[in-house]
Protein backbone atom coordinates (compact mmCIF):
# COMPACT_ATOMS: atom_id res chain seq x y z
CA MET A 1 -18.49 -8.23 -0.59
CA LYS A 2 -17.15 -5.85 1.20
CA VAL A 3 -12.99 -5.72 2.86
CA ASP A 4 -12.99 -3.50 5.41
CA ILE A 5 -9.10 -2.21 5.67
CA TRP A 6 -7.79 -0.72 9.60
CA SER A 7 -4.75 0.68 8.16
CA ASP A 8 -2.23 4.00 9.45
CA ILE A 9 0.37 5.62 6.79
CA MET A 10 3.14 5.55 8.63
CA CYS A 11 2.80 1.35 9.48
CA PRO A 12 5.23 -0.32 7.36
CA PHE A 13 3.67 -3.34 7.94
CA CYS A 14 0.21 -1.98 6.59
CA TYR A 15 1.90 -1.38 3.20
CA ILE A 16 3.62 -4.84 3.24
CA GLY A 17 0.39 -5.72 4.01
CA LYS A 18 -1.71 -4.58 1.00
CA ARG A 19 0.66 -6.11 -1.33
CA LYS A 20 0.21 -9.21 0.02
CA PHE A 21 -3.84 -8.92 0.09
CA GLU A 22 -3.37 -7.49 -3.54
CA HIS A 23 -1.41 -10.98 -4.41
CA ALA A 24 -4.62 -13.11 -2.85
CA LEU A 25 -6.86 -10.97 -4.71
CA GLU A 26 -5.55 -11.82 -7.85
CA GLN A 27 -6.04 -15.05 -7.70
CA PHE A 28 -9.87 -15.07 -6.41
CA GLU A 29 -12.30 -16.07 -8.24
CA HIS A 30 -14.70 -13.04 -7.44
CA LYS A 31 -12.20 -10.38 -7.11
CA ASN A 32 -14.76 -7.77 -9.61
CA LYS A 33 -17.03 -8.54 -6.49
CA ILE A 34 -14.97 -7.17 -3.95
CA THR A 35 -15.57 -3.66 -2.44
CA ILE A 36 -12.71 -2.30 -0.12
CA GLN A 37 -12.72 0.32 2.02
CA TRP A 38 -10.03 1.76 3.91
CA ARG A 39 -10.53 2.90 7.64
CA SER A 40 -8.91 4.90 9.46
CA PHE A 41 -5.95 4.41 12.39
CA GLN A 42 -3.47 6.21 14.18
CA LEU A 43 -0.45 4.50 15.65
CA ALA A 44 1.21 7.84 17.41
CA PRO A 45 -1.88 10.60 16.95
CA GLU A 46 0.47 12.49 19.72
CA LEU A 47 3.02 13.14 17.20
CA GLU A 48 4.07 16.42 16.24
CA THR A 49 5.36 16.65 12.38
CA ASP A 50 8.91 17.29 12.49
CA PRO A 51 10.98 17.56 8.71
CA SER A 52 14.49 18.37 10.67
CA LYS A 53 14.69 14.94 11.95
CA THR A 54 14.75 11.36 10.49
CA THR A 55 12.57 8.45 11.63
CA TYR A 56 15.67 6.44 13.17
CA GLU A 57 15.62 9.57 15.62
CA TYR A 58 11.74 10.18 16.38
CA LEU A 59 11.72 6.27 17.19
CA ALA A 60 14.98 5.96 19.28
CA GLU A 61 13.53 8.86 21.22
CA LYS A 62 9.78 6.99 21.31
CA LYS A 63 10.96 3.57 22.22
CA GLY A 64 14.01 4.35 23.75
CA TRP A 65 16.41 2.22 21.48
CA THR A 66 20.20 3.09 20.26
CA LEU A 67 20.22 4.50 16.68
CA ASP A 68 21.93 1.12 15.75
CA TYR A 69 19.22 -0.63 16.85
CA THR A 70 16.55 1.76 15.38
CA LYS A 71 18.47 1.24 11.83
CA GLN A 72 18.76 -2.78 12.41
CA VAL A 73 14.80 -2.84 13.03
CA HIS A 74 14.36 -0.74 9.79
CA ALA A 75 16.86 -2.66 8.17
CA GLN A 76 14.53 -5.92 8.46
CA LEU A 77 11.90 -4.10 7.35
CA THR A 78 13.66 -3.31 4.72
CA GLU A 79 13.90 -6.93 3.10
CA SER A 80 10.31 -7.80 4.73
CA ALA A 81 9.00 -4.98 2.09
CA ARG A 82 11.56 -6.31 -1.11
CA GLU A 83 9.83 -9.76 -0.59
CA VAL A 84 6.65 -8.39 -2.06
CA GLY A 85 7.85 -5.85 -4.57
CA LEU A 86 8.32 -2.69 -2.20
CA ASN A 87 11.15 -0.33 -1.69
CA TYR A 88 11.51 1.46 1.52
CA ASN A 89 13.97 4.41 2.13
CA PHE A 90 13.88 4.73 5.58
CA ASP A 91 16.65 7.40 5.42
CA ASP A 92 14.53 9.58 3.68
CA ALA A 93 11.35 8.95 5.83
CA ILE A 94 10.06 12.37 7.65
CA PRO A 95 8.30 11.89 10.89
CA ALA A 96 4.60 13.41 10.06
CA ASN A 97 1.27 12.83 11.61
CA SER A 98 -1.23 10.79 9.55
CA PHE A 99 -4.17 12.69 10.59
CA ASN A 100 -4.65 14.89 7.12
CA ALA A 101 -3.75 12.15 5.36
CA HIS A 102 -6.51 9.71 7.00
CA ARG A 103 -9.39 12.79 5.92
CA LEU A 104 -7.53 12.68 2.19
CA SER A 105 -7.84 9.00 2.19
CA HIS A 106 -11.79 9.72 3.21
CA LEU A 107 -12.25 12.62 0.46
CA ALA A 108 -10.82 10.21 -2.23
CA ALA A 109 -13.54 7.58 -1.26
CA LYS A 110 -16.26 10.23 -2.41
CA HIS A 111 -14.24 10.22 -5.65
CA HIS A 112 -14.12 6.57 -6.09
CA VAL A 113 -10.48 6.25 -5.74
CA GLN A 114 -9.67 5.62 -2.22
CA ASN A 115 -7.23 2.67 -2.70
CA GLU A 116 -5.35 4.72 -5.59
CA MET A 117 -5.00 7.18 -2.55
CA GLU A 118 -3.87 4.79 -0.07
CA GLU A 119 -1.21 3.62 -2.76
CA ARG A 120 -0.12 7.01 -3.48
CA LEU A 121 0.49 7.67 -0.07
CA PHE A 122 2.48 4.63 1.37
CA PHE A 123 4.62 5.17 -1.64
CA ALA A 124 4.87 9.06 -0.76
CA TYR A 125 6.11 8.23 2.96
CA PHE A 126 8.10 5.28 2.36
CA THR A 127 9.94 5.71 -0.69
CA GLU A 128 9.91 8.97 -1.70
CA GLY A 129 10.51 10.61 1.47
CA LYS A 130 7.72 12.95 1.27
CA ASN A 131 6.11 14.86 4.12
CA VAL A 132 2.48 13.57 4.45
CA ASP A 133 1.60 16.28 6.50
CA ASP A 134 2.77 19.02 4.26
CA ASP A 135 -0.12 21.05 2.94
CA ASP A 136 1.27 21.29 -0.70
CA THR A 137 2.06 17.43 -0.79
CA LEU A 138 -0.88 16.22 -0.23
CA VAL A 139 -2.95 18.50 -2.82
CA LYS A 140 -0.10 17.00 -5.16
CA LEU A 141 -0.89 13.10 -3.82
CA GLY A 142 -4.14 13.80 -4.20
CA VAL A 143 -4.70 15.07 -7.50
CA ASP A 144 -1.89 12.07 -8.50
CA ALA A 145 -4.41 9.89 -7.27
CA GLY A 146 -7.42 11.68 -9.11
CA VAL A 147 -8.99 13.98 -6.61
CA PRO A 148 -9.64 17.93 -7.60
CA ALA A 149 -6.87 19.94 -6.06
CA GLU A 150 -9.60 22.39 -4.98
CA GLU A 151 -11.55 19.99 -3.14
CA VAL A 152 -7.81 18.85 -0.99
CA ARG A 153 -7.33 22.72 -0.69
CA GLU A 154 -10.96 23.00 0.77
CA MET A 155 -10.34 19.91 3.00
CA LEU A 156 -7.08 21.05 3.99
CA GLN A 157 -8.85 24.61 5.57
CA ASN A 158 -11.73 23.55 7.34
CA ASP A 159 -12.42 20.11 9.58
CA LEU A 160 -13.64 18.24 6.62
CA TYR A 161 -13.55 14.28 7.05
CA THR A 162 -12.48 15.01 10.73
CA ILE A 163 -15.60 13.18 12.17
CA GLN A 164 -15.55 10.15 9.87
CA VAL A 165 -11.72 9.72 11.24
CA HIS A 166 -12.48 9.55 14.60
CA GLU A 167 -15.26 7.40 13.92
CA ASP A 168 -13.18 5.19 12.17
CA ILE A 169 -10.95 5.14 15.11
CA ASN A 170 -13.67 4.62 17.43
CA LYS A 171 -15.02 2.01 15.39
CA ALA A 172 -11.78 -0.08 15.79
CA ARG A 173 -11.95 -0.41 19.35
CA GLN A 174 -15.10 -1.99 19.30
CA VAL A 175 -14.19 -4.50 17.30
CA GLY A 176 -11.16 -5.38 18.81
CA VAL A 177 -8.45 -3.74 16.60
CA GLN A 178 -5.53 -3.69 18.59
CA GLY A 179 -2.76 -3.07 15.73
CA VAL A 180 -2.88 -2.78 12.03
CA PRO A 181 -3.06 -3.68 9.58
CA PHE A 182 -6.27 -5.30 10.02
CA PHE A 183 -8.62 -6.68 7.48
CA VAL A 184 -12.32 -7.67 8.23
CA ILE A 185 -13.93 -9.53 5.25
CA ASN A 186 -17.67 -9.89 4.66
CA ASN A 187 -18.22 -8.59 8.58
CA LYS A 188 -16.97 -11.47 9.78
CA TYR A 189 -13.76 -12.94 8.85
CA ALA A 190 -10.89 -11.09 10.66
CA VAL A 191 -6.99 -11.11 9.53
CA SER A 192 -4.83 -9.50 11.71
CA GLY A 193 -1.20 -8.34 10.25
CA ALA A 194 0.49 -8.52 7.09
CA GLN A 195 -0.22 -12.22 6.54
CA PRO A 196 1.08 -14.65 3.59
CA SER A 197 -1.24 -13.91 0.66
CA ASP A 198 -2.88 -17.84 0.91
CA VAL A 199 -4.08 -16.81 4.22
CA PHE A 200 -6.21 -14.09 2.74
CA LEU A 201 -6.86 -16.29 -0.02
CA ASP A 202 -8.49 -18.48 2.37
CA ALA A 203 -10.24 -16.25 4.30
CA LEU A 204 -11.96 -14.61 1.17
CA GLN A 205 -13.26 -18.10 0.06
CA LYS A 206 -14.48 -18.77 2.54
CA ALA A 207 -16.34 -15.93 3.30
CA TRP A 208 -17.61 -16.38 -0.41
CA GLN A 209 -19.01 -19.50 0.08
CA GLU A 210 -20.85 -18.66 2.73
CA ILE A 211 -22.67 -16.04 0.75
CA GLU A 212 -23.36 -18.71 -1.86
CA GLN A 213 -24.70 -20.69 0.72
CA GLU A 214 -26.44 -18.33 2.58
CA THR A 215 -25.91 -19.65 5.57
CA ALA A 216 -25.76 -17.72 9.25
CA ALA A 217 -23.08 -16.33 10.44
CA GLY A 218 -20.82 -18.58 12.61
CA PRO A 219 -17.89 -17.25 15.02
CA ALA A 220 -15.32 -15.09 13.22
CA ASP A 221 -11.70 -16.61 12.29
CA ASN A 222 -8.95 -14.49 14.02
CA THR A 223 -5.79 -15.02 11.97
CA LYS A 224 -2.69 -13.23 13.47
CA GLY A 225 0.38 -11.76 11.66
CA ALA A 226 2.78 -9.14 11.86
CA ALA A 227 1.58 -6.05 12.64
CA CYS A 228 2.36 -2.48 14.26
CA SER A 229 0.38 -1.69 17.75
CA PRO A 230 0.63 2.02 18.92
CA ASP A 231 2.79 0.65 22.14
CA GLY A 232 4.48 -2.27 20.31
CA ILE A 233 7.32 -2.79 18.07
CA CYS A 234 6.77 -2.93 14.19
């Protein structure tokens, strides 16, 4: 059974949603028969990477917020992350365009380490304060996840996987993705946002039961939760 996950590296709820989904998967009886495909989505495709700015400053400018309010919002996100065992460090987070990181994720899929690559990119952005649009950094992160350094460099020097990233983004529009994370289980059950783990588990079980029963596909079960949207608030 396949699970497609639309996500963006700079989306705080995407990392939280990844953990909640993983907790559900641990409890799923048929977890070894699940194939996960990460799909690209950009919350801020126009963003110009600027290591001289903090994430607070970038969002304050973009949203028209005060710095104090921006820090309050991120303090709440940090607490939400802590509840699932993640350590967010927004003080050091660097506003970075995620396009090349998405290309790296597609390259990692070729080596069957896409999930490991997504985890490494999330950790680099949210915890380590690394610039995920810097070539040398992406080479190092790729190697950490199991992608040969020379292939990462070749990708960065060319337009490899650019088409695949755009295809994912276009498909997101086709299936009605308005925010991320967005999970599609067995091409039928859609779970939007960083839902509680039991919601993911229930969707996995329903989808698996239908496979076993070989029943005809019915209407999608759309469940919405906390998410990030291009024009909304995380």
